[in-house]
Amino acid sequence: MTNFAVWAPDSRVRLRLGDGDVRQMKRSEDGWWQLEVPEAGPGTDYTYLLGDNDDQPLPDPRSGWQPGGVHAPSRVYDHAAFGWTDTGWTGRQLPGSILYELHVGTFTPEGTFDAAIARLDHLVELGVDMIELLPVAAFNGDYNWGYDGVCWFAPQESYGGPDGLKRLVDAAHARGLGVVLDVVYNHFGPSGAYAPMFAPYLLEGTQTPWGSSVNIDGPRSGEVRRYIIDSVLMWLRDYHVDGLRLDAVHALDDRGAVHLLEEMATEVEALSTHLGRPLSLIAESDLNDPRLITPREAGGYGLHAQWDDDVHHALHTLLTGERQGYYADFGSLDCLATVLTGAFFHAGTFSSFRQRRHGRQIDRSLVPGHRFVAYLQNHDQIGNRAIGDRLSSTLSPGLLKVGATLLLTSPYTPMLFMGEEWAATAPWQYFTSHPEPELALAVKNGRRREFASHGWAENDVPDPQDPETFQRSKLDWAEPGKPAHAAMLEIYRKLIALRKSRADLSEPRLDRVQVWHGNRYVVMRRGDCVIAANLAPVAQRISLRGVPRAVLLATEPGTILTRDVVELPAESAVVVSL
């Protein structure tokens, strides 16, 4: 028996079952249409017909399963039927964890949830605590980044569908790995978004960079907010995931007294209390606003963490020398010292890229470092480059290790991007698989126009619709066994193990972090641990301001300690204990 229900306040709705049987539905005063069908069990295909239109059967906006793709009929899915084995799983808290961002379609040659399971042991040996999956909500086509999702309750079928995602989460938990899922609630993708045909899910006359704004504070927005929060709770409850990364929350235009994010955090806290395991909400925001991660008791939204692009920009510019676009204000050692001790570089300061003051300073004595997710690389900072090139294509192995050392000994929650740990050579490019020729051409031309304005020749920018662009972006799992890649992987493993073995390196108090620097070198003290990094192409003598007792890790041979001074080889780093 299935109770079919859909919100459509302005239209008559009929249910069409898979065999063509059309049935009238009953409307309630709140605009919901419902019908209980005793013979329609799990596996039943169905669509809805709006008004008198019999020629356009539409999938369910709350569909949990789209086996034929986002344009095809929905199928009844029974969450209770899956045989979970993680009943002993008590969760994984974000503080103290190391995240690993991966894209299901390019993480393995097969590009499925089940294929990813076979690589989980690699991540356990690496020492990460939680995997963060790029969005898997059903989207148009067989593959893309996932940020064009249109079915916010259904996992992508080409990855393995609902059962496939559950198998991956179950297998991760069996290995002690938590799972964070990237979710997108600020817009619908350009094709297959049928929800707005049923009800006012979009706010007319508004726009995000990716399409019309979702109606979260306009007329009749209550059911839209419920739609989003029900999706949030579903992923955490029915798929057993341990946290959500909320995409571009600055594009959630909510001017109400209770922001959607605060409402979301309140309901997630209630679910966490019921389930008896920690559930984390991580925001992506370019606002540099600590209100997101300030507890609700102190007037904030109560999210658990946010991505920190300023840490990335400070490290990236210092390592690469790039200064274009939004990198213009970054690149100095002073800048690096600022973000290593205070999270934000723009904290009520002038941003030349924005041509205005930006951000707000945090209270270093109150806000713990683990509330900021920091990274050297991620899907955006690689994939949104013209050719999707990784740092491994531009930096020496020495500087890659220096960057990894500064990241993994920082006071923040570190996140790696898949393959970073062995300096993967595969680019990660922008790819799509829209089946509609006009949309495919528009995406291709739009991408090339964007980078032509930055001086790129049209033929140098990969065509997102070319299947080879997708194939090039897949990891090569033969690389970790090759000497140079294996050496990088070993450094990452040692750094992660060191971070976990020394309480000083997971200490979240930002006001206890000390940083000093000189000519192309930086030193960071964290309790009795001192990290010295030489970014220069020549050896340097660096004062540690204390007498070291032991070298805990050196990225290159040839490090020499003399009382309170260390002589570091070119492009190398060392961690010592005092």
Protein backbone atom coordinates (compact mmCIF):
# COMPACT_ATOMS: atom_id res chain seq x y z
CA MET A 1 0.00 0.00 0.00
CA THR A 2 1.26 3.48 -0.89
CA ASN A 3 -0.15 6.87 0.02
CA PHE A 4 0.63 9.17 -2.89
CA ALA A 5 0.84 12.86 -1.94
CA VAL A 6 1.91 15.98 -3.82
CA TRP A 7 1.64 19.72 -3.16
CA ALA A 8 -0.01 21.58 -6.03
CA PRO A 9 -2.11 24.45 -4.65
CA ASP A 10 -3.13 25.90 -8.01
CA SER A 11 -3.91 22.87 -10.12
CA ARG A 12 -5.98 19.71 -10.16
CA VAL A 13 -3.79 16.58 -9.91
CA ARG A 14 -4.39 13.03 -11.06
CA LEU A 15 -2.25 9.98 -10.41
CA ARG A 16 -1.13 7.84 -13.33
CA LEU A 17 0.13 4.38 -12.46
CA GLY A 18 2.65 2.52 -14.59
CA ASP A 19 0.11 0.60 -16.62
CA GLY A 20 -1.68 3.78 -17.67
CA ASP A 21 -4.35 3.58 -14.98
CA VAL A 22 -5.32 7.20 -14.16
CA ARG A 23 -6.99 7.95 -10.83
CA GLN A 24 -8.44 11.09 -9.30
CA MET A 25 -6.72 12.47 -6.20
CA LYS A 26 -8.31 14.32 -3.27
CA ARG A 27 -7.35 17.88 -2.39
CA SER A 28 -7.02 19.20 1.15
CA GLU A 29 -7.31 22.84 2.14
CA ASP A 30 -3.52 23.30 2.28
CA GLY A 31 -3.11 22.44 -1.40
CA TRP A 32 -1.94 18.85 -0.95
CA TRP A 33 -3.40 16.14 -3.18
CA GLN A 34 -3.47 12.59 -1.81
CA LEU A 35 -4.61 9.13 -2.75
CA GLU A 36 -4.05 5.79 -1.03
CA VAL A 37 -3.58 2.87 -3.43
CA PRO A 38 -3.58 -0.53 -1.67
CA GLU A 39 -2.18 -2.47 -4.63
CA ALA A 40 0.70 -0.05 -5.36
CA GLY A 41 3.66 -1.46 -3.47
CA PRO A 42 7.41 -0.84 -3.78
CA GLY A 43 8.55 -0.96 -7.40
CA THR A 44 5.38 0.64 -8.76
CA ASP A 45 6.03 3.28 -11.42
CA TYR A 46 3.89 6.41 -11.35
CA THR A 47 3.55 9.99 -12.57
CA TYR A 48 1.22 12.93 -11.97
CA LEU A 49 -1.01 14.74 -14.44
CA LEU A 50 -1.65 18.44 -13.84
CA GLY A 51 -5.03 19.92 -14.79
CA ASP A 52 -6.49 18.41 -17.94
CA ASN A 53 -3.10 17.77 -19.54
CA ASP A 54 -2.90 14.05 -20.33
CA ASP A 55 0.12 14.45 -22.62
CA GLN A 56 2.74 15.43 -20.04
CA PRO A 57 2.97 12.96 -17.16
CA LEU A 58 5.37 14.42 -14.58
CA PRO A 59 7.63 12.73 -12.02
CA ASP A 60 7.00 13.28 -8.33
CA PRO A 61 8.81 16.35 -6.86
CA ARG A 62 9.50 14.20 -3.79
CA SER A 63 10.40 11.06 -5.73
CA GLY A 64 12.81 8.78 -3.90
CA TRP A 65 13.75 6.80 -6.99
CA GLN A 66 14.15 7.79 -10.65
CA PRO A 67 15.39 4.59 -12.32
CA GLY A 68 14.89 5.93 -15.85
CA GLY A 69 16.37 9.36 -15.21
CA VAL A 70 14.93 12.70 -14.16
CA HIS A 71 12.48 12.91 -17.08
CA ALA A 72 11.07 9.41 -16.57
CA PRO A 73 8.37 8.12 -14.21
CA SER A 74 9.03 7.91 -10.49
CA ARG A 75 9.12 4.53 -8.73
CA VAL A 76 7.88 3.74 -5.24
CA TYR A 77 10.84 3.01 -2.97
CA ASP A 78 10.72 1.35 0.45
CA HIS A 79 13.45 2.65 2.77
CA ALA A 80 12.65 -0.04 5.33
CA ALA A 81 13.57 -2.86 2.93
CA PHE A 82 17.34 -2.27 2.96
CA GLY A 83 19.36 -4.61 5.20
CA TRP A 84 21.61 -2.24 7.16
CA THR A 85 24.51 -3.74 9.09
CA ASP A 86 25.62 -0.55 10.87
CA THR A 87 23.37 -0.81 13.92
CA GLY A 88 26.43 -0.41 16.14
CA TRP A 89 27.53 2.80 14.42
CA THR A 90 27.61 5.66 16.94
CA GLY A 91 28.64 8.32 14.45
CA ARG A 92 31.67 10.47 13.83
CA GLN A 93 31.93 14.01 15.14
CA LEU A 94 33.43 16.70 12.94
CA PRO A 95 35.90 18.13 15.52
CA GLY A 96 39.14 16.18 15.22
CA SER A 97 38.19 14.64 11.88
CA ILE A 98 39.92 14.80 8.51
CA LEU A 99 37.63 15.01 5.47
CA TYR A 100 38.20 13.54 2.02
CA GLU A 101 36.17 15.06 -0.83
CA LEU A 102 35.37 12.73 -3.71
CA HIS A 103 33.21 12.68 -6.81
CA VAL A 104 31.56 9.29 -7.27
CA GLY A 105 31.70 9.39 -11.07
CA THR A 106 35.45 10.03 -11.32
CA PHE A 107 36.76 8.44 -8.11
CA THR A 108 36.94 5.05 -9.85
CA PRO A 109 36.96 3.91 -13.49
CA GLU A 110 33.45 2.49 -13.05
CA GLY A 111 32.11 5.64 -11.41
CA THR A 112 29.57 3.99 -9.10
CA PHE A 113 28.80 3.76 -5.40
CA ASP A 114 29.73 0.07 -5.39
CA ALA A 115 33.04 0.69 -7.11
CA ALA A 116 33.90 3.32 -4.50
CA ILE A 117 33.49 0.70 -1.77
CA ALA A 118 36.53 -1.14 -3.11
CA ARG A 119 38.70 1.94 -2.47
CA LEU A 120 37.57 2.64 1.09
CA ASP A 121 40.43 0.64 2.59
CA HIS A 122 42.87 3.03 0.92
CA LEU A 123 41.19 5.88 2.79
CA VAL A 124 41.32 3.99 6.08
CA GLU A 125 45.05 3.39 5.60
CA LEU A 126 45.49 7.06 4.72
CA GLY A 127 43.93 7.99 8.04
CA VAL A 128 40.94 10.11 7.01
CA ASP A 129 37.83 10.03 9.16
CA MET A 130 34.99 11.09 6.86
CA ILE A 131 34.38 11.03 3.13
CA GLU A 132 32.51 13.96 1.61
CA LEU A 133 30.59 12.98 -1.52
CA LEU A 134 29.95 15.61 -4.15
CA PRO A 135 26.19 15.91 -4.82
CA VAL A 136 24.41 12.70 -5.80
CA ALA A 137 20.80 13.96 -6.00
CA ALA A 138 19.41 12.93 -9.40
CA PHE A 139 20.43 15.18 -12.28
CA ASN A 140 19.98 15.36 -16.04
CA GLY A 141 22.21 12.95 -18.00
CA ASP A 142 24.54 10.19 -16.84
CA TYR A 143 27.27 12.28 -15.27
CA ASN A 144 28.18 15.80 -14.21
CA TRP A 145 29.55 17.49 -11.11
CA GLY A 146 26.20 17.04 -9.38
CA TYR A 147 25.36 20.69 -8.78
CA ASP A 148 22.53 20.57 -11.33
CA GLY A 149 20.39 18.22 -9.26
CA VAL A 150 16.62 18.41 -9.73
CA CYS A 151 15.30 15.52 -7.62
CA TRP A 152 16.31 16.37 -4.08
CA PHE A 153 15.11 13.07 -2.58
CA ALA A 154 16.52 10.57 -5.11
CA PRO A 155 20.15 9.41 -5.56
CA GLN A 156 21.45 9.41 -9.13
CA GLU A 157 20.60 6.12 -10.84
CA SER A 158 23.77 5.93 -12.98
CA TYR A 159 25.79 5.88 -9.74
CA GLY A 160 23.75 3.01 -8.33
CA GLY A 161 20.50 4.57 -7.12
CA PRO A 162 19.11 4.43 -3.57
CA ASP A 163 20.39 0.97 -2.67
CA GLY A 164 23.83 1.75 -4.09
CA LEU A 165 24.23 4.82 -1.88
CA LYS A 166 23.09 2.84 1.14
CA ARG A 167 25.63 0.10 0.40
CA LEU A 168 28.40 2.70 0.24
CA VAL A 169 27.39 4.35 3.53
CA ASP A 170 27.00 0.95 5.21
CA ALA A 171 30.44 -0.15 3.99
CA ALA A 172 32.03 3.12 5.09
CA HIS A 173 30.59 2.76 8.59
CA ALA A 174 31.87 -0.82 8.77
CA ARG A 175 35.37 0.61 8.30
CA GLY A 176 34.92 3.42 10.80
CA LEU A 177 34.45 6.10 8.15
CA GLY A 178 31.75 8.74 8.42
CA VAL A 179 29.97 10.06 5.34
CA VAL A 180 29.17 13.69 4.55
CA LEU A 181 26.93 14.43 1.57
CA ASP A 182 27.12 17.63 -0.47
CA VAL A 183 23.61 18.97 -1.08
CA VAL A 184 22.34 21.87 -3.21
CA TYR A 185 19.24 23.80 -2.17
CA ASN A 186 19.92 27.22 -3.70
CA HIS A 187 18.72 26.39 -7.24
CA PHE A 188 17.39 23.65 -9.50
CA GLY A 189 19.35 22.38 -12.48
CA PRO A 190 18.49 23.59 -16.01
CA SER A 191 16.76 20.41 -17.15
CA GLY A 192 14.35 18.04 -15.41
CA ALA A 193 13.23 20.46 -12.70
CA TYR A 194 9.52 19.68 -12.67
CA ALA A 195 8.78 20.76 -9.10
CA PRO A 196 8.15 24.42 -10.11
CA MET A 197 5.39 23.23 -12.43
CA PHE A 198 3.47 21.97 -9.40
CA ALA A 199 3.85 24.90 -7.02
CA PRO A 200 5.76 28.16 -6.35
CA TYR A 201 9.12 26.57 -5.60
CA LEU A 202 10.88 29.49 -7.34
CA LEU A 203 10.68 33.19 -6.57
CA GLU A 204 9.81 35.06 -9.73
CA GLY A 205 12.03 38.00 -10.67
CA THR A 206 15.02 36.77 -8.67
CA GLN A 207 18.19 35.17 -9.89
CA THR A 208 21.27 33.29 -8.70
CA PRO A 209 24.30 32.65 -10.94
CA TRP A 210 22.76 29.24 -11.68
CA GLY A 211 19.09 30.05 -12.18
CA SER A 212 16.02 31.46 -10.42
CA SER A 213 16.15 31.71 -6.64
CA VAL A 214 14.33 29.13 -4.57
CA ASN A 215 11.30 30.60 -2.82
CA ILE A 216 12.27 30.41 0.84
CA ASP A 217 10.78 33.68 2.09
CA GLY A 218 8.18 34.74 -0.49
CA PRO A 219 4.45 34.05 -0.63
CA ARG A 220 3.57 30.42 0.12
CA SER A 221 7.21 29.65 0.94
CA GLY A 222 6.35 27.56 4.00
CA GLU A 223 5.91 24.35 2.01
CA VAL A 224 9.11 25.07 0.04
CA ARG A 225 11.06 25.40 3.27
CA ARG A 226 9.48 22.16 4.44
CA TYR A 227 10.50 20.53 1.16
CA ILE A 228 14.15 21.47 1.77
CA ILE A 229 14.23 20.48 5.43
CA ASP A 230 12.48 17.17 4.73
CA SER A 231 15.19 16.44 2.16
CA VAL A 232 17.88 17.27 4.74
CA LEU A 233 16.34 14.97 7.33
CA MET A 234 15.85 12.19 4.81
CA TRP A 235 19.52 11.99 3.84
CA LEU A 236 20.58 11.93 7.49
CA ARG A 237 17.88 9.52 8.69
CA ASP A 238 17.11 7.17 5.79
CA TYR A 239 20.61 7.04 4.25
CA HIS A 240 22.43 7.10 7.61
CA VAL A 241 24.81 9.86 6.45
CA ASP A 242 26.67 11.70 9.20
CA GLY A 243 26.59 15.22 7.87
CA LEU A 244 25.70 17.52 5.01
CA ARG A 245 27.76 20.12 3.21
CA LEU A 246 25.34 22.89 2.21
CA ASP A 247 26.29 24.41 -1.13
CA ALA A 248 26.57 28.21 -1.52
CA VAL A 249 24.34 29.19 1.39
CA HIS A 250 24.97 32.86 0.56
CA ALA A 251 22.55 32.28 -2.35
CA LEU A 252 19.75 31.31 0.05
CA ASP A 253 18.00 34.66 0.13
CA ASP A 254 16.02 34.56 3.38
CA ARG A 255 15.02 37.80 5.05
CA GLY A 256 12.73 36.24 7.62
CA ALA A 257 13.25 36.53 11.37
CA VAL A 258 14.27 32.86 11.54
CA HIS A 259 16.69 32.03 8.74
CA LEU A 260 16.23 28.72 6.93
CA LEU A 261 19.69 27.63 8.14
CA GLU A 262 18.73 28.20 11.76
CA GLU A 263 15.50 26.29 11.28
CA MET A 264 17.45 23.51 9.61
CA ALA A 265 20.00 23.34 12.44
CA THR A 266 17.21 23.15 15.01
CA GLU A 267 15.56 20.17 13.32
CA VAL A 268 18.85 18.39 12.68
CA GLU A 269 19.73 18.74 16.36
CA ALA A 270 16.40 17.13 17.26
CA LEU A 271 17.07 14.26 14.84
CA SER A 272 20.60 13.81 16.22
CA THR A 273 19.17 13.59 19.73
CA HIS A 274 16.68 10.96 18.60
CA LEU A 275 19.22 8.88 16.66
CA GLY A 276 21.89 9.13 19.34
CA ARG A 277 24.72 10.07 16.98
CA PRO A 278 26.32 13.37 15.96
CA LEU A 279 25.02 14.97 12.76
CA SER A 280 27.02 17.81 11.20
CA LEU A 281 25.98 20.71 9.00
CA ILE A 282 28.81 22.36 7.06
CA ALA A 283 28.18 25.54 5.09
CA GLU A 284 29.86 26.77 1.95
CA SER A 285 29.67 30.56 2.12
CA ASP A 286 31.70 33.43 0.67
CA LEU A 287 30.40 35.91 3.24
CA ASN A 288 33.12 35.38 5.88
CA ASP A 289 30.34 35.72 8.42
CA PRO A 290 30.90 33.92 11.76
CA ARG A 291 27.15 34.10 12.45
CA LEU A 292 26.78 30.87 10.46
CA ILE A 293 28.81 28.89 12.99
CA THR A 294 27.85 30.81 16.10
CA PRO A 295 25.64 28.71 18.40
CA ARG A 296 21.94 29.51 18.38
CA GLU A 297 22.14 30.32 22.08
CA ALA A 298 24.47 33.18 21.16
CA GLY A 299 22.29 34.48 18.33
CA GLY A 300 23.87 32.55 15.47
CA TYR A 301 22.52 29.96 13.05
CA GLY A 302 24.11 27.03 14.88
CA LEU A 303 25.85 25.28 11.97
CA HIS A 304 28.82 23.14 12.91
CA ALA A 305 31.41 24.38 10.41
CA GLN A 306 31.98 26.33 7.21
CA TRP A 307 34.42 26.09 4.34
CA ASP A 308 37.23 28.63 4.60
CA ASP A 309 38.33 29.82 1.17
CA ASP A 310 40.67 32.41 2.70
CA VAL A 311 42.95 29.66 4.01
CA HIS A 312 43.01 28.11 0.55
CA HIS A 313 43.72 31.43 -1.17
CA ALA A 314 46.54 32.29 1.24
CA LEU A 315 48.25 28.93 0.71
CA HIS A 316 47.60 28.75 -3.03
CA THR A 317 48.95 32.19 -3.85
CA LEU A 318 52.02 31.79 -1.67
CA LEU A 319 52.86 28.41 -3.23
CA THR A 320 52.05 29.23 -6.87
CA GLY A 321 52.63 32.98 -7.16
CA GLU A 322 49.22 33.44 -8.84
CA ARG A 323 47.54 36.79 -8.14
CA GLN A 324 44.73 37.11 -10.69
CA GLY A 325 41.06 37.72 -9.89
CA TYR A 326 40.05 37.06 -6.31
CA TYR A 327 43.64 36.08 -5.46
CA ALA A 328 44.79 39.70 -5.77
CA ASP A 329 44.80 40.51 -2.04
CA PHE A 330 46.47 37.26 -1.05
CA GLY A 331 50.00 35.89 -1.40
CA SER A 332 52.04 37.50 1.38
CA LEU A 333 53.45 35.81 4.46
CA ASP A 334 51.52 38.33 6.56
CA CYS A 335 48.35 37.09 4.89
CA LEU A 336 49.23 33.48 5.68
CA ALA A 337 49.94 34.38 9.31
CA THR A 338 46.56 36.11 9.51
CA VAL A 339 44.56 33.12 8.28
CA LEU A 340 46.54 30.58 10.34
CA THR A 341 45.64 32.47 13.50
CA GLY A 342 42.29 34.08 12.67
CA ALA A 343 40.61 31.97 9.95
CA PHE A 344 39.55 34.92 7.74
CA PHE A 345 41.83 37.32 5.87
CA HIS A 346 38.96 39.56 4.88
CA ALA A 347 37.41 40.24 8.27
CA GLY A 348 35.89 43.68 7.91
CA THR A 349 38.75 44.67 5.59
CA PHE A 350 38.75 46.04 2.06
CA SER A 351 38.52 43.49 -0.74
CA SER A 352 39.93 44.77 -4.01
CA PHE A 353 38.11 42.00 -5.92
CA ARG A 354 34.74 43.10 -4.50
CA GLN A 355 35.66 46.79 -4.26
CA ARG A 356 34.22 47.03 -0.77
CA ARG A 357 34.77 45.98 2.83
CA HIS A 358 34.15 42.29 3.32
CA GLY A 359 33.72 39.82 6.15
CA ARG A 360 33.73 40.06 9.90
CA GLN A 361 36.42 39.24 12.45
CA ILE A 362 35.99 36.21 14.67
CA ASP A 363 36.71 36.10 18.40
CA ARG A 364 39.80 33.90 18.54
CA SER A 365 39.27 33.13 22.20
CA LEU A 366 35.75 31.81 21.64
CA VAL A 367 35.48 30.34 18.14
CA PRO A 368 37.28 26.97 17.82
CA GLY A 369 39.37 26.26 14.75
CA HIS A 370 37.57 23.00 14.01
CA ARG A 371 34.58 25.02 12.82
CA PHE A 372 36.51 25.98 9.68
CA VAL A 373 37.14 23.41 6.93
CA ALA A 374 40.47 24.18 5.26
CA TYR A 375 42.01 22.73 2.10
CA LEU A 376 44.80 23.06 -0.42
CA GLN A 377 42.56 21.84 -3.22
CA ASN A 378 38.86 21.09 -3.73
CA HIS A 379 36.47 20.53 -6.60
CA ASP A 380 35.85 24.27 -7.09
CA GLN A 381 39.44 25.44 -6.90
CA ILE A 382 40.53 22.81 -9.43
CA GLY A 383 37.49 22.32 -11.64
CA ASN A 384 36.73 26.02 -12.06
CA ARG A 385 40.12 26.62 -13.62
CA ALA A 386 40.07 26.66 -17.42
CA ILE A 387 41.69 23.24 -17.84
CA GLY A 388 41.02 21.78 -14.39
CA ASP A 389 44.71 21.53 -13.51
CA ARG A 390 45.77 20.35 -10.07
CA LEU A 391 48.64 21.77 -8.01
CA SER A 392 50.65 18.70 -8.97
CA SER A 393 50.89 20.06 -12.52
CA THR A 394 52.45 23.36 -11.44
CA LEU A 395 54.28 22.84 -8.14
CA SER A 396 57.40 20.87 -7.30
CA PRO A 397 57.01 17.83 -5.05
CA GLY A 398 58.81 19.81 -2.36
CA LEU A 399 56.27 22.63 -2.34
CA LEU A 400 53.37 20.17 -2.48
CA LYS A 401 54.72 18.61 0.72
CA VAL A 402 55.17 22.03 2.31
CA GLY A 403 51.56 22.88 1.54
CA ALA A 404 50.35 19.57 2.93
CA THR A 405 52.36 20.11 6.12
CA LEU A 406 50.90 23.57 6.72
CA LEU A 407 47.37 22.30 6.07
CA LEU A 408 47.57 19.16 8.19
CA THR A 409 49.20 20.89 11.17
CA SER A 410 46.82 23.89 11.05
CA PRO A 411 44.17 24.43 13.75
CA TYR A 412 41.35 23.80 11.26
CA THR A 413 39.44 20.75 10.05
CA PRO A 414 41.54 19.59 7.08
CA MET A 415 39.97 18.35 3.86
CA LEU A 416 41.75 16.60 1.00
CA PHE A 417 40.51 16.35 -2.58
CA MET A 418 40.57 12.86 -4.06
CA GLY A 419 43.99 11.89 -5.36
CA GLU A 420 45.72 14.87 -3.74
CA GLU A 421 47.41 12.50 -1.31
CA TRP A 422 49.51 10.93 -4.06
CA ALA A 423 49.82 14.03 -6.29
CA ALA A 424 47.43 12.62 -8.89
CA THR A 425 48.13 13.84 -12.41
CA ALA A 426 44.59 13.54 -13.78
CA PRO A 427 42.99 16.96 -14.16
CA TRP A 428 39.51 17.50 -12.78
CA GLN A 429 37.63 19.35 -15.45
CA TYR A 430 34.13 20.73 -15.86
CA PHE A 431 31.98 18.03 -17.48
CA THR A 432 28.30 17.57 -18.29
CA SER A 433 26.17 15.07 -20.21
CA HIS A 434 23.03 16.99 -21.11
CA PRO A 435 21.11 14.97 -23.73
CA GLU A 436 19.37 18.07 -25.13
CA PRO A 437 21.46 19.46 -28.04
CA GLU A 438 20.56 23.11 -27.41
CA LEU A 439 21.44 22.94 -23.72
CA ALA A 440 24.65 21.06 -24.48
CA LEU A 441 25.73 23.73 -26.96
CA ALA A 442 24.83 26.54 -24.56
CA VAL A 443 26.95 24.99 -21.80
CA LYS A 444 29.89 24.49 -24.16
CA ASN A 445 29.77 28.04 -25.55
CA GLY A 446 29.19 29.60 -22.15
CA ARG A 447 32.22 27.87 -20.68
CA ARG A 448 34.45 28.98 -23.53
CA ARG A 449 33.18 32.57 -23.45
CA GLU A 450 33.90 32.73 -19.74
CA PHE A 451 37.56 31.84 -20.17
CA ALA A 452 38.03 33.73 -23.42
CA SER A 453 37.60 36.89 -21.32
CA HIS A 454 40.66 35.74 -19.36
CA GLY A 455 42.78 35.25 -22.46
CA TRP A 456 42.24 31.54 -23.11
CA ALA A 457 41.97 30.35 -26.71
CA GLU A 458 38.66 28.63 -27.43
CA ASN A 459 40.24 25.32 -28.38
CA ASP A 460 42.25 25.23 -25.15
CA VAL A 461 39.14 25.09 -22.97
CA PRO A 462 37.79 21.52 -22.77
CA ASP A 463 34.30 20.94 -24.10
CA PRO A 464 32.18 19.97 -21.05
CA GLN A 465 29.98 17.78 -23.25
CA ASP A 466 32.85 15.79 -24.76
CA PRO A 467 32.91 12.37 -23.05
CA GLU A 468 36.71 12.56 -23.07
CA THR A 469 36.54 15.53 -20.69
CA PHE A 470 34.81 13.26 -18.19
CA GLN A 471 37.16 10.35 -18.83
CA ARG A 472 40.27 12.52 -18.38
CA SER A 473 39.03 13.52 -14.96
CA LYS A 474 39.00 9.98 -13.56
CA LEU A 475 41.69 9.00 -11.06
CA ASP A 476 44.45 6.64 -12.17
CA TRP A 477 44.71 4.10 -9.36
CA ALA A 478 47.98 2.72 -10.75
CA GLU A 479 49.75 5.93 -9.70
CA PRO A 480 49.95 5.32 -5.93
CA GLY A 481 52.22 2.34 -6.65
CA LYS A 482 54.75 4.41 -8.59
CA PRO A 483 57.80 5.71 -6.67
CA ALA A 484 57.21 9.47 -6.82
CA HIS A 485 53.50 9.16 -6.06
CA ALA A 486 54.14 6.59 -3.32
CA ALA A 487 56.59 9.01 -1.65
CA MET A 488 53.95 11.74 -1.60
CA LEU A 489 51.35 9.33 -0.25
CA GLU A 490 53.72 8.33 2.55
CA ILE A 491 54.16 11.98 3.58
CA TYR A 492 50.39 12.43 3.77
CA ARG A 493 50.00 9.28 5.83
CA LYS A 494 52.72 10.38 8.24
CA LEU A 495 51.29 13.89 8.58
CA ILE A 496 47.82 12.56 9.33
CA ALA A 497 49.18 10.04 11.83
CA LEU A 498 51.23 12.79 13.48
CA ARG A 499 48.20 15.06 13.75
CA LYS A 500 46.26 12.29 15.45
CA SER A 501 49.08 11.38 17.83
CA ARG A 502 49.82 14.89 19.15
CA ALA A 503 47.11 16.68 21.09
CA ASP A 504 48.80 20.02 20.35
CA LEU A 505 48.05 19.55 16.63
CA SER A 506 44.32 19.05 17.16
CA GLU A 507 44.02 21.80 19.79
CA PRO A 508 41.19 24.06 18.52
CA ARG A 509 42.04 27.25 20.42
CA LEU A 510 43.06 29.83 17.81
CA ASP A 511 44.41 32.26 20.40
CA ARG A 512 47.08 29.69 21.25
CA VAL A 513 48.49 29.56 17.71
CA GLN A 514 51.67 31.59 17.18
CA VAL A 515 53.09 32.39 13.74
CA TRP A 516 56.24 34.25 12.68
CA HIS A 517 57.94 34.52 9.34
CA GLY A 518 60.87 35.87 7.39
CA ASN A 519 62.30 35.71 3.89
CA ARG A 520 60.23 32.94 2.22
CA TYR A 521 59.80 30.97 5.41
CA VAL A 522 57.03 30.64 8.01
CA VAL A 523 57.00 29.10 11.47
CA MET A 524 53.88 28.05 13.39
CA ARG A 525 53.92 27.03 17.03
CA ARG A 526 51.14 24.88 18.41
CA GLY A 527 51.80 24.05 22.05
CA ASP A 528 55.03 22.04 22.21
CA CYS A 529 55.01 21.43 18.45
CA VAL A 530 56.74 23.82 16.06
CA ILE A 531 56.25 23.65 12.30
CA ALA A 532 58.84 25.36 10.11
CA ALA A 533 58.34 25.67 6.34
CA ASN A 534 60.93 26.87 3.85
CA LEU A 535 59.30 28.00 0.60
CA ALA A 536 62.56 29.25 -0.89
CA PRO A 537 64.49 27.41 -3.63
CA VAL A 538 67.59 27.41 -1.39
CA ALA A 539 68.35 26.09 2.09
CA GLN A 540 67.62 28.44 5.01
CA ARG A 541 68.47 28.71 8.72
CA ILE A 542 65.30 29.39 10.72
CA SER A 543 64.92 30.26 14.40
CA LEU A 544 62.51 28.01 16.28
CA ARG A 545 62.42 30.26 19.38
CA GLY A 546 62.88 27.23 21.59
CA VAL A 547 65.16 24.22 21.94
CA PRO A 548 63.71 21.19 20.16
CA ARG A 549 63.80 17.75 21.71
CA ALA A 550 63.08 15.72 18.58
CA VAL A 551 62.21 15.87 14.91
CA LEU A 552 58.71 14.46 14.54
CA LEU A 553 58.57 14.68 10.75
CA ALA A 554 60.73 16.12 7.97
CA THR A 555 59.46 16.29 4.41
CA GLU A 556 62.97 16.10 2.93
CA PRO A 557 66.26 14.54 4.09
CA GLY A 558 69.05 16.87 5.17
CA THR A 559 67.26 18.78 7.94
CA ILE A 560 69.79 19.93 10.58
CA LEU A 561 68.96 21.03 14.15
CA THR A 562 71.39 23.23 16.08
CA ARG A 563 70.06 24.31 19.47
CA ASP A 564 67.12 26.62 18.65
CA VAL A 565 67.83 26.84 14.93
CA VAL A 566 66.87 24.50 12.12
CA GLU A 567 68.55 24.42 8.72
CA LEU A 568 65.94 23.39 6.20
CA PRO A 569 66.67 22.20 2.67
CA ALA A 570 65.02 24.09 -0.17
CA GLU A 571 61.23 23.73 -0.39
CA SER A 572 60.83 21.59 2.68
CA ALA A 573 59.14 21.56 6.07
CA VAL A 574 59.78 20.05 9.48
CA VAL A 575 57.73 19.41 12.61
CA VAL A 576 59.66 19.33 15.88
CA SER A 577 58.72 18.92 19.54
CA LEU A 578 60.06 21.29 22.18
